[in-house]
Amino acid sequence: YYAAGLVGYIAKSAKSVGWAVNVDVAVGVSVPIILLVLVMG
């Protein structure tokens, strides 16, 4: 949850500087990746 939140903050910052980033999509995609990394670790 906290890692996904950090991804959301990063996506919002990227969108603010002009990058074409969908914040919700970025957070949603990062959740399974973060979860998989934590379980493997």
PDB file of all heavy atoms in Angstrom:
ATOM      1  N   TYR A   1       0.834  -1.209   0.000  1.00  0.00           N
ATOM      2  CA  TYR A   1       0.000   0.000   0.000  1.00  0.00           C
ATOM      3  C   TYR A   1       0.865   1.254   0.000  1.00  0.00           C
ATOM      4  O   TYR A   1       0.648   2.194  -0.796  1.00  0.00           O
ATOM      5  CB  TYR A   1      -0.917  -0.033   1.215  1.00  0.00           C
ATOM      6  CG  TYR A   1      -1.696   1.238   1.418  1.00  0.00           C
ATOM      7  CD1 TYR A   1      -2.837   1.528   0.632  1.00  0.00           C
ATOM      8  CD2 TYR A   1      -1.295   2.162   2.372  1.00  0.00           C
ATOM      9  CE1 TYR A   1      -3.534   2.715   0.825  1.00  0.00           C
ATOM     10  CE2 TYR A   1      -1.989   3.337   2.567  1.00  0.00           C
ATOM     11  CZ  TYR A   1      -3.122   3.616   1.787  1.00  0.00           C
ATOM     12  OH  TYR A   1      -3.813   4.786   1.973  1.00  0.00           O
ATOM     13  N   TYR A   2       1.850   1.289   0.902  1.00  0.00           N
ATOM     14  CA  TYR A   2       2.703   2.492   0.963  1.00  0.00           C
ATOM     15  C   TYR A   2       3.563   2.648  -0.286  1.00  0.00           C
ATOM     16  O   TYR A   2       3.802   3.765  -0.765  1.00  0.00           O
ATOM     17  CB  TYR A   2       3.583   2.441   2.213  1.00  0.00           C
ATOM     18  CG  TYR A   2       2.794   2.677   3.494  1.00  0.00           C
ATOM     19  CD1 TYR A   2       2.645   1.664   4.429  1.00  0.00           C
ATOM     20  CD2 TYR A   2       2.207   3.930   3.741  1.00  0.00           C
ATOM     21  CE1 TYR A   2       1.930   1.877   5.587  1.00  0.00           C
ATOM     22  CE2 TYR A   2       1.494   4.138   4.889  1.00  0.00           C
ATOM     23  CZ  TYR A   2       1.349   3.121   5.821  1.00  0.00           C
ATOM     24  OH  TYR A   2       0.636   3.338   6.960  1.00  0.00           O
ATOM     25  N   ALA A   3       4.056   1.512  -0.822  1.00  0.00           N
ATOM     26  CA  ALA A   3       4.864   1.599  -2.041  1.00  0.00           C
ATOM     27  C   ALA A   3       4.019   2.099  -3.227  1.00  0.00           C
ATOM     28  O   ALA A   3       4.495   2.902  -4.053  1.00  0.00           O
ATOM     29  CB  ALA A   3       5.476   0.229  -2.349  1.00  0.00           C
ATOM     30  N   ALA A   4       2.779   1.609  -3.309  1.00  0.00           N
ATOM     31  CA  ALA A   4       1.886   2.086  -4.385  1.00  0.00           C
ATOM     32  C   ALA A   4       1.605   3.575  -4.225  1.00  0.00           C
ATOM     33  O   ALA A   4       1.497   4.329  -5.209  1.00  0.00           O
ATOM     34  CB  ALA A   4       0.589   1.278  -4.358  1.00  0.00           C
ATOM     35  N   GLY A   5       1.498   4.000  -2.991  1.00  0.00           N
ATOM     36  CA  GLY A   5       1.306   5.432  -2.743  1.00  0.00           C
ATOM     37  C   GLY A   5       2.482   6.237  -3.243  1.00  0.00           C
ATOM     38  O   GLY A   5       2.310   7.331  -3.822  1.00  0.00           O
ATOM     39  N   LEU A   6       3.689   5.713  -3.018  1.00  0.00           N
ATOM     40  CA  LEU A   6       4.875   6.423  -3.511  1.00  0.00           C
ATOM     41  C   LEU A   6       4.865   6.482  -5.043  1.00  0.00           C
ATOM     42  O   LEU A   6       5.242   7.505  -5.640  1.00  0.00           O
ATOM     43  CB  LEU A   6       6.150   5.700  -3.015  1.00  0.00           C
ATOM     44  CG  LEU A   6       6.416   5.786  -1.512  1.00  0.00           C
ATOM     45  CD1 LEU A   6       7.637   4.919  -1.158  1.00  0.00           C
ATOM     46  CD2 LEU A   6       6.675   7.240  -1.106  1.00  0.00           C
ATOM     47  N   VAL A   7       4.437   5.363  -5.672  1.00  0.00           N
ATOM     48  CA  VAL A   7       4.342   5.361  -7.139  1.00  0.00           C
ATOM     49  C   VAL A   7       3.343   6.422  -7.608  1.00  0.00           C
ATOM     50  O   VAL A   7       3.542   7.129  -8.615  1.00  0.00           O
ATOM     51  CB  VAL A   7       3.962   3.967  -7.658  1.00  0.00           C
ATOM     52  CG1 VAL A   7       3.651   4.005  -9.166  1.00  0.00           C
ATOM     53  CG2 VAL A   7       5.081   2.964  -7.356  1.00  0.00           C
ATOM     54  N   GLY A   8       2.239   6.541  -6.869  1.00  0.00           N
ATOM     55  CA  GLY A   8       1.249   7.555  -7.236  1.00  0.00           C
ATOM     56  C   GLY A   8       1.823   8.955  -7.166  1.00  0.00           C
ATOM     57  O   GLY A   8       1.574   9.795  -8.042  1.00  0.00           O
ATOM     58  N   TYR A   9       2.597   9.220  -6.062  1.00  0.00           N
ATOM     59  CA  TYR A   9       3.211  10.543  -5.950  1.00  0.00           C
ATOM     60  C   TYR A   9       4.191  10.809  -7.096  1.00  0.00           C
ATOM     61  O   TYR A   9       4.276  11.920  -7.639  1.00  0.00           O
ATOM     62  CB  TYR A   9       3.953  10.674  -4.613  1.00  0.00           C
ATOM     63  CG  TYR A   9       3.006  10.886  -3.438  1.00  0.00           C
ATOM     64  CD1 TYR A   9       2.941   9.957  -2.414  1.00  0.00           C
ATOM     65  CD2 TYR A   9       2.187  12.036  -3.391  1.00  0.00           C
ATOM     66  CE1 TYR A   9       2.090  10.135  -1.346  1.00  0.00           C
ATOM     67  CE2 TYR A   9       1.329  12.215  -2.326  1.00  0.00           C
ATOM     68  CZ  TYR A   9       1.282  11.272  -1.293  1.00  0.00           C
ATOM     69  OH  TYR A   9       0.437  11.468  -0.256  1.00  0.00           O
ATOM     70  N   ILE A  10       4.944   9.746  -7.440  1.00  0.00           N
ATOM     71  CA  ILE A  10       5.892   9.917  -8.539  1.00  0.00           C
ATOM     72  C   ILE A  10       5.154  10.188  -9.864  1.00  0.00           C
ATOM     73  O   ILE A  10       5.551  11.047 -10.677  1.00  0.00           O
ATOM     74  CB  ILE A  10       6.774   8.658  -8.670  1.00  0.00           C
ATOM     75  CG1 ILE A  10       7.660   8.523  -7.417  1.00  0.00           C
ATOM     76  CG2 ILE A  10       7.645   8.718  -9.927  1.00  0.00           C
ATOM     77  CD1 ILE A  10       8.433   7.219  -7.375  1.00  0.00           C
ATOM     78  N   ALA A  11       4.059   9.466 -10.125  1.00  0.00           N
ATOM     79  CA  ALA A  11       3.288   9.657 -11.368  1.00  0.00           C
ATOM     80  C   ALA A  11       2.685  11.050 -11.430  1.00  0.00           C
ATOM     81  O   ALA A  11       2.664  11.704 -12.496  1.00  0.00           O
ATOM     82  CB  ALA A  11       2.199   8.579 -11.455  1.00  0.00           C
ATOM     83  N   LYS A  12       2.178  11.552 -10.286  1.00  0.00           N
ATOM     84  CA  LYS A  12       1.607  12.895 -10.261  1.00  0.00           C
ATOM     85  C   LYS A  12       2.688  13.941 -10.550  1.00  0.00           C
ATOM     86  O   LYS A  12       2.446  14.946 -11.249  1.00  0.00           O
ATOM     87  CB  LYS A  12       0.971  13.170  -8.898  1.00  0.00           C
ATOM     88  CG  LYS A  12      -0.307  12.383  -8.654  1.00  0.00           C
ATOM     89  CD  LYS A  12      -0.864  12.674  -7.257  1.00  0.00           C
ATOM     90  CE  LYS A  12      -2.148  11.873  -7.016  1.00  0.00           C
ATOM     91  NZ  LYS A  12      -2.686  12.129  -5.664  1.00  0.00           N
ATOM     92  N   SER A  13       3.868  13.693  -9.994  1.00  0.00           N
ATOM     93  CA  SER A  13       4.963  14.655 -10.244  1.00  0.00           C
ATOM     94  C   SER A  13       5.350  14.650 -11.727  1.00  0.00           C
ATOM     95  O   SER A  13       5.595  15.713 -12.323  1.00  0.00           O
ATOM     96  CB  SER A  13       6.194  14.271  -9.396  1.00  0.00           C
ATOM     97  OG  SER A  13       5.876  14.311  -8.016  1.00  0.00           O
ATOM     98  N   ALA A  14       5.376  13.454 -12.312  1.00  0.00           N
ATOM     99  CA  ALA A  14       5.716  13.365 -13.736  1.00  0.00           C
ATOM    100  C   ALA A  14       4.654  14.046 -14.596  1.00  0.00           C
ATOM    101  O   ALA A  14       4.957  14.713 -15.602  1.00  0.00           O
ATOM    102  CB  ALA A  14       5.879  11.890 -14.137  1.00  0.00           C
ATOM    103  N   LYS A  15       3.399  13.895 -14.212  1.00  0.00           N
ATOM    104  CA  LYS A  15       2.310  14.526 -14.971  1.00  0.00           C
ATOM    105  C   LYS A  15       2.394  16.038 -14.843  1.00  0.00           C
ATOM    106  O   LYS A  15       2.091  16.790 -15.805  1.00  0.00           O
ATOM    107  CB  LYS A  15       0.974  13.997 -14.429  1.00  0.00           C
ATOM    108  CG  LYS A  15      -0.217  14.522 -15.243  1.00  0.00           C
ATOM    109  CD  LYS A  15      -1.514  13.905 -14.725  1.00  0.00           C
ATOM    110  CE  LYS A  15      -2.708  14.436 -15.550  1.00  0.00           C
ATOM    111  NZ  LYS A  15      -3.975  13.843 -15.057  1.00  0.00           N
ATOM    112  N   SER A  16       2.799  16.507 -13.673  1.00  0.00           N
ATOM    113  CA  SER A  16       2.896  17.954 -13.455  1.00  0.00           C
ATOM    114  C   SER A  16       3.972  18.600 -14.326  1.00  0.00           C
ATOM    115  O   SER A  16       3.872  19.754 -14.714  1.00  0.00           O
ATOM    116  CB  SER A  16       3.187  18.246 -11.971  1.00  0.00           C
ATOM    117  OG  SER A  16       2.142  17.764 -11.160  1.00  0.00           O
ATOM    118  N   VAL A  17       5.018  17.862 -14.639  1.00  0.00           N
ATOM    119  CA  VAL A  17       6.093  18.430 -15.455  1.00  0.00           C
ATOM    120  C   VAL A  17       5.826  18.256 -16.937  1.00  0.00           C
ATOM    121  O   VAL A  17       6.664  18.564 -17.764  1.00  0.00           O
ATOM    122  CB  VAL A  17       7.444  17.782 -15.081  1.00  0.00           C
ATOM    123  CG1 VAL A  17       7.809  18.113 -13.649  1.00  0.00           C
ATOM    124  CG2 VAL A  17       7.423  16.276 -15.326  1.00  0.00           C
ATOM    125  N   GLY A  18       4.666  17.688 -17.284  1.00  0.00           N
ATOM    126  CA  GLY A  18       4.275  17.630 -18.679  1.00  0.00           C
ATOM    127  C   GLY A  18       4.302  16.250 -19.289  1.00  0.00           C
ATOM    128  O   GLY A  18       4.070  16.124 -20.487  1.00  0.00           O
ATOM    129  N   TRP A  19       4.626  15.262 -18.518  1.00  0.00           N
ATOM    130  CA  TRP A  19       4.627  13.898 -19.054  1.00  0.00           C
ATOM    131  C   TRP A  19       3.198  13.420 -19.157  1.00  0.00           C
ATOM    132  O   TRP A  19       2.353  13.702 -18.307  1.00  0.00           O
ATOM    133  CB  TRP A  19       5.425  12.936 -18.174  1.00  0.00           C
ATOM    134  CG  TRP A  19       6.929  13.214 -18.229  1.00  0.00           C
ATOM    135  CD1 TRP A  19       7.550  14.237 -18.827  1.00  0.00           C
ATOM    136  CD2 TRP A  19       7.897  12.383 -17.654  1.00  0.00           C
ATOM    137  NE1 TRP A  19       8.892  14.162 -18.692  1.00  0.00           N
ATOM    138  CE2 TRP A  19       9.157  12.996 -17.954  1.00  0.00           C
ATOM    139  CE3 TRP A  19       7.896  11.183 -16.929  1.00  0.00           C
ATOM    140  CZ2 TRP A  19      10.374  12.452 -17.538  1.00  0.00           C
ATOM    141  CZ3 TRP A  19       9.116  10.669 -16.536  1.00  0.00           C
ATOM    142  CH2 TRP A  19      10.335  11.287 -16.811  1.00  0.00           C
ATOM    143  N   ALA A  20       2.934  12.608 -20.175  1.00  0.00           N
ATOM    144  CA  ALA A  20       1.580  12.074 -20.377  1.00  0.00           C
ATOM    145  C   ALA A  20       1.444  10.790 -19.571  1.00  0.00           C
ATOM    146  O   ALA A  20       1.694   9.685 -20.053  1.00  0.00           O
ATOM    147  CB  ALA A  20       1.316  11.829 -21.845  1.00  0.00           C
ATOM    148  N   VAL A  21       1.143  10.945 -18.319  1.00  0.00           N
ATOM    149  CA  VAL A  21       1.068   9.791 -17.394  1.00  0.00           C
ATOM    150  C   VAL A  21      -0.317   9.756 -16.795  1.00  0.00           C
ATOM    151  O   VAL A  21      -0.820  10.768 -16.302  1.00  0.00           O
ATOM    152  CB  VAL A  21       2.110   9.899 -16.269  1.00  0.00           C
ATOM    153  CG1 VAL A  21       1.970   8.734 -15.309  1.00  0.00           C
ATOM    154  CG2 VAL A  21       3.513   9.949 -16.853  1.00  0.00           C
ATOM    155  N   ASN A  22      -0.904   8.561 -16.859  1.00  0.00           N
ATOM    156  CA  ASN A  22      -2.183   8.330 -16.185  1.00  0.00           C
ATOM    157  C   ASN A  22      -1.869   7.805 -14.790  1.00  0.00           C
ATOM    158  O   ASN A  22      -1.362   6.688 -14.602  1.00  0.00           O
ATOM    159  CB  ASN A  22      -3.029   7.327 -16.976  1.00  0.00           C
ATOM    160  CG  ASN A  22      -4.456   7.254 -16.421  1.00  0.00           C
ATOM    161  OD1 ASN A  22      -4.693   7.381 -15.219  1.00  0.00           O
ATOM    162  ND2 ASN A  22      -5.421   7.010 -17.308  1.00  0.00           N
ATOM    163  N   VAL A  23      -2.159   8.647 -13.844  1.00  0.00           N
ATOM    164  CA  VAL A  23      -1.786   8.305 -12.457  1.00  0.00           C
ATOM    165  C   VAL A  23      -2.459   7.032 -12.003  1.00  0.00           C
ATOM    166  O   VAL A  23      -1.835   6.137 -11.381  1.00  0.00           O
ATOM    167  CB  VAL A  23      -2.125   9.473 -11.513  1.00  0.00           C
ATOM    168  CG1 VAL A  23      -1.826   9.109 -10.061  1.00  0.00           C
ATOM    169  CG2 VAL A  23      -1.347  10.719 -11.933  1.00  0.00           C
ATOM    170  N   ASP A  24      -3.717   6.861 -12.217  1.00  0.00           N
ATOM    171  CA  ASP A  24      -4.453   5.685 -11.737  1.00  0.00           C
ATOM    172  C   ASP A  24      -3.911   4.405 -12.371  1.00  0.00           C
ATOM    173  O   ASP A  24      -3.775   3.359 -11.694  1.00  0.00           O
ATOM    174  CB  ASP A  24      -5.942   5.836 -12.055  1.00  0.00           C
ATOM    175  CG  ASP A  24      -6.568   6.988 -11.272  1.00  0.00           C
ATOM    176  OD1 ASP A  24      -6.005   7.296 -10.163  1.00  0.00           O
ATOM    177  OD2 ASP A  24      -7.576   7.519 -11.693  1.00  0.00           O
ATOM    178  N   VAL A  25      -3.623   4.498 -13.688  1.00  0.00           N
ATOM    179  CA  VAL A  25      -3.097   3.307 -14.371  1.00  0.00           C
ATOM    180  C   VAL A  25      -1.721   2.937 -13.809  1.00  0.00           C
ATOM    181  O   VAL A  25      -1.398   1.766 -13.562  1.00  0.00           O
ATOM    182  CB  VAL A  25      -3.006   3.554 -15.887  1.00  0.00           C
ATOM    183  CG1 VAL A  25      -2.296   2.392 -16.574  1.00  0.00           C
ATOM    184  CG2 VAL A  25      -4.398   3.754 -16.479  1.00  0.00           C
ATOM    185  N   ALA A  26      -0.894   3.969 -13.588  1.00  0.00           N
ATOM    186  CA  ALA A  26       0.450   3.717 -13.063  1.00  0.00           C
ATOM    187  C   ALA A  26       0.388   3.056 -11.697  1.00  0.00           C
ATOM    188  O   ALA A  26       1.116   2.092 -11.394  1.00  0.00           O
ATOM    189  CB  ALA A  26       1.230   5.019 -12.980  1.00  0.00           C
ATOM    190  N   VAL A  27      -0.499   3.541 -10.832  1.00  0.00           N
ATOM    191  CA  VAL A  27      -0.632   2.940  -9.481  1.00  0.00           C
ATOM    192  C   VAL A  27      -1.164   1.529  -9.583  1.00  0.00           C
ATOM    193  O   VAL A  27      -0.680   0.607  -8.917  1.00  0.00           O
ATOM    194  CB  VAL A  27      -1.529   3.826  -8.603  1.00  0.00           C
ATOM    195  CG1 VAL A  27      -1.847   3.120  -7.283  1.00  0.00           C
ATOM    196  CG2 VAL A  27      -0.874   5.164  -8.345  1.00  0.00           C
ATOM    197  N   GLY A  28      -2.177   1.343 -10.431  1.00  0.00           N
ATOM    198  CA  GLY A  28      -2.773   0.008 -10.564  1.00  0.00           C
ATOM    199  C   GLY A  28      -1.796  -1.005 -11.101  1.00  0.00           C
ATOM    200  O   GLY A  28      -1.767  -2.167 -10.664  1.00  0.00           O
ATOM    201  N   VAL A  29      -0.960  -0.601 -12.072  1.00  0.00           N
ATOM    202  CA  VAL A  29       0.025  -1.525 -12.643  1.00  0.00           C
ATOM    203  C   VAL A  29       1.124  -1.843 -11.623  1.00  0.00           C
ATOM    204  O   VAL A  29       1.643  -2.965 -11.543  1.00  0.00           O
ATOM    205  CB  VAL A  29       0.614  -0.936 -13.921  1.00  0.00           C
ATOM    206  CG1 VAL A  29       1.782  -1.779 -14.416  1.00  0.00           C
ATOM    207  CG2 VAL A  29      -0.450  -0.843 -15.001  1.00  0.00           C
ATOM    208  N   SER A  30       1.467  -0.852 -10.779  1.00  0.00           N
ATOM    209  CA  SER A  30       2.588  -1.063  -9.843  1.00  0.00           C
ATOM    210  C   SER A  30       2.231  -1.997  -8.681  1.00  0.00           C
ATOM    211  O   SER A  30       3.120  -2.633  -8.068  1.00  0.00           O
ATOM    212  CB  SER A  30       3.051   0.282  -9.277  1.00  0.00           C
ATOM    213  OG  SER A  30       2.039   0.871  -8.456  1.00  0.00           O
ATOM    214  N   VAL A  31       0.965  -2.083  -8.337  1.00  0.00           N
ATOM    215  CA  VAL A  31       0.570  -2.887  -7.158  1.00  0.00           C
ATOM    216  C   VAL A  31       0.992  -4.347  -7.294  1.00  0.00           C
ATOM    217  O   VAL A  31       1.663  -4.913  -6.405  1.00  0.00           O
ATOM    218  CB  VAL A  31      -0.935  -2.746  -6.889  1.00  0.00           C
ATOM    219  CG1 VAL A  31      -1.397  -3.794  -5.882  1.00  0.00           C
ATOM    220  CG2 VAL A  31      -1.262  -1.345  -6.417  1.00  0.00           C
ATOM    221  N   PRO A  32       0.625  -5.082  -8.385  1.00  0.00           N
ATOM    222  CA  PRO A  32       1.051  -6.490  -8.464  1.00  0.00           C
ATOM    223  C   PRO A  32       2.568  -6.638  -8.556  1.00  0.00           C
ATOM    224  O   PRO A  32       3.141  -7.610  -8.054  1.00  0.00           O
ATOM    225  CB  PRO A  32       0.361  -7.012  -9.714  1.00  0.00           C
ATOM    226  CG  PRO A  32       0.014  -5.807 -10.506  1.00  0.00           C
ATOM    227  CD  PRO A  32      -0.210  -4.700  -9.540  1.00  0.00           C
ATOM    228  N   ILE A  33       3.209  -5.650  -9.215  1.00  0.00           N
ATOM    229  CA  ILE A  33       4.677  -5.752  -9.318  1.00  0.00           C
ATOM    230  C   ILE A  33       5.316  -5.629  -7.937  1.00  0.00           C
ATOM    231  O   ILE A  33       6.210  -6.399  -7.550  1.00  0.00           O
ATOM    232  CB  ILE A  33       5.206  -4.677 -10.278  1.00  0.00           C
ATOM    233  CG1 ILE A  33       4.633  -4.892 -11.689  1.00  0.00           C
ATOM    234  CG2 ILE A  33       6.721  -4.663 -10.294  1.00  0.00           C
ATOM    235  CD1 ILE A  33       4.966  -3.775 -12.673  1.00  0.00           C
ATOM    236  N   ILE A  34       4.853  -4.617  -7.187  1.00  0.00           N
ATOM    237  CA  ILE A  34       5.410  -4.429  -5.818  1.00  0.00           C
ATOM    238  C   ILE A  34       5.131  -5.648  -4.946  1.00  0.00           C
ATOM    239  O   ILE A  34       6.004  -6.130  -4.197  1.00  0.00           O
ATOM    240  CB  ILE A  34       4.808  -3.152  -5.188  1.00  0.00           C
ATOM    241  CG1 ILE A  34       5.267  -1.916  -5.955  1.00  0.00           C
ATOM    242  CG2 ILE A  34       5.197  -3.047  -3.711  1.00  0.00           C
ATOM    243  CD1 ILE A  34       4.553  -0.640  -5.550  1.00  0.00           C
ATOM    244  N   LEU A  35       3.933  -6.166  -5.031  1.00  0.00           N
ATOM    245  CA  LEU A  35       3.553  -7.318  -4.219  1.00  0.00           C
ATOM    246  C   LEU A  35       4.428  -8.517  -4.552  1.00  0.00           C
ATOM    247  O   LEU A  35       4.903  -9.251  -3.649  1.00  0.00           O
ATOM    248  CB  LEU A  35       2.080  -7.640  -4.450  1.00  0.00           C
ATOM    249  CG  LEU A  35       1.493  -8.787  -3.600  1.00  0.00           C
ATOM    250  CD1 LEU A  35       1.592  -8.468  -2.120  1.00  0.00           C
ATOM    251  CD2 LEU A  35       0.040  -9.044  -3.999  1.00  0.00           C
ATOM    252  N   LEU A  36       4.692  -8.758  -5.852  1.00  0.00           N
ATOM    253  CA  LEU A  36       5.525  -9.879  -6.281  1.00  0.00           C
ATOM    254  C   LEU A  36       6.959  -9.708  -5.780  1.00  0.00           C
ATOM    255  O   LEU A  36       7.578 -10.664  -5.291  1.00  0.00           O
ATOM    256  CB  LEU A  36       5.494  -9.980  -7.810  1.00  0.00           C
ATOM    257  CG  LEU A  36       6.336 -11.113  -8.423  1.00  0.00           C
ATOM    258  CD1 LEU A  36       5.835 -12.471  -7.932  1.00  0.00           C
ATOM    259  CD2 LEU A  36       6.301 -11.040  -9.949  1.00  0.00           C
ATOM    260  N   VAL A  37       7.480  -8.476  -5.865  1.00  0.00           N
ATOM    261  CA  VAL A  37       8.864  -8.224  -5.404  1.00  0.00           C
ATOM    262  C   VAL A  37       8.988  -8.481  -3.901  1.00  0.00           C
ATOM    263  O   VAL A  37       9.949  -9.097  -3.419  1.00  0.00           O
ATOM    264  CB  VAL A  37       9.282  -6.801  -5.765  1.00  0.00           C
ATOM    265  CG1 VAL A  37      10.600  -6.442  -5.085  1.00  0.00           C
ATOM    266  CG2 VAL A  37       9.399  -6.635  -7.284  1.00  0.00           C
ATOM    267  N   LEU A  38       8.000  -8.019  -3.134  1.00  0.00           N
ATOM    268  CA  LEU A  38       8.054  -8.215  -1.673  1.00  0.00           C
ATOM    269  C   LEU A  38       7.961  -9.695  -1.288  1.00  0.00           C
ATOM    270  O   LEU A  38       8.686 -10.169  -0.397  1.00  0.00           O
ATOM    271  CB  LEU A  38       6.928  -7.418  -1.001  1.00  0.00           C
ATOM    272  CG  LEU A  38       7.087  -5.897  -1.011  1.00  0.00           C
ATOM    273  CD1 LEU A  38       5.841  -5.225  -0.429  1.00  0.00           C
ATOM    274  CD2 LEU A  38       8.332  -5.471  -0.237  1.00  0.00           C
ATOM    275  N   VAL A  39       7.074 -10.422  -1.949  1.00  0.00           N
ATOM    276  CA  VAL A  39       6.940 -11.865  -1.650  1.00  0.00           C
ATOM    277  C   VAL A  39       8.219 -12.595  -1.981  1.00  0.00           C
ATOM    278  O   VAL A  39       8.700 -13.432  -1.205  1.00  0.00           O
ATOM    279  CB  VAL A  39       5.748 -12.452  -2.420  1.00  0.00           C
ATOM    280  CG1 VAL A  39       5.731 -13.967  -2.314  1.00  0.00           C
ATOM    281  CG2 VAL A  39       4.448 -11.862  -1.885  1.00  0.00           C
ATOM    282  N   MET A  40       8.820 -12.329  -3.139  1.00  0.00           N
ATOM    283  CA  MET A  40      10.063 -12.985  -3.524  1.00  0.00           C
ATOM    284  C   MET A  40      11.196 -12.616  -2.550  1.00  0.00           C
ATOM    285  O   MET A  40      12.008 -13.468  -2.150  1.00  0.00           O
ATOM    286  CB  MET A  40      10.446 -12.597  -4.951  1.00  0.00           C
ATOM    287  CG  MET A  40       9.452 -13.096  -6.007  1.00  0.00           C
ATOM    288  SD  MET A  40       9.318 -14.895  -6.039  1.00  0.00           S
ATOM    289  CE  MET A  40      10.970 -15.313  -6.598  1.00  0.00           C
ATOM    290  N   GLY A  41      11.253 -11.349  -2.151  1.00  0.00           N
ATOM    291  CA  GLY A  41      12.294 -10.941  -1.189  1.00  0.00           C
ATOM    292  C   GLY A  41      12.129 -11.624   0.164  1.00  0.00           C
ATOM    293  O   GLY A  41      13.118 -12.024   0.808  1.00  0.00           O
TER     294      GLY A  41
END
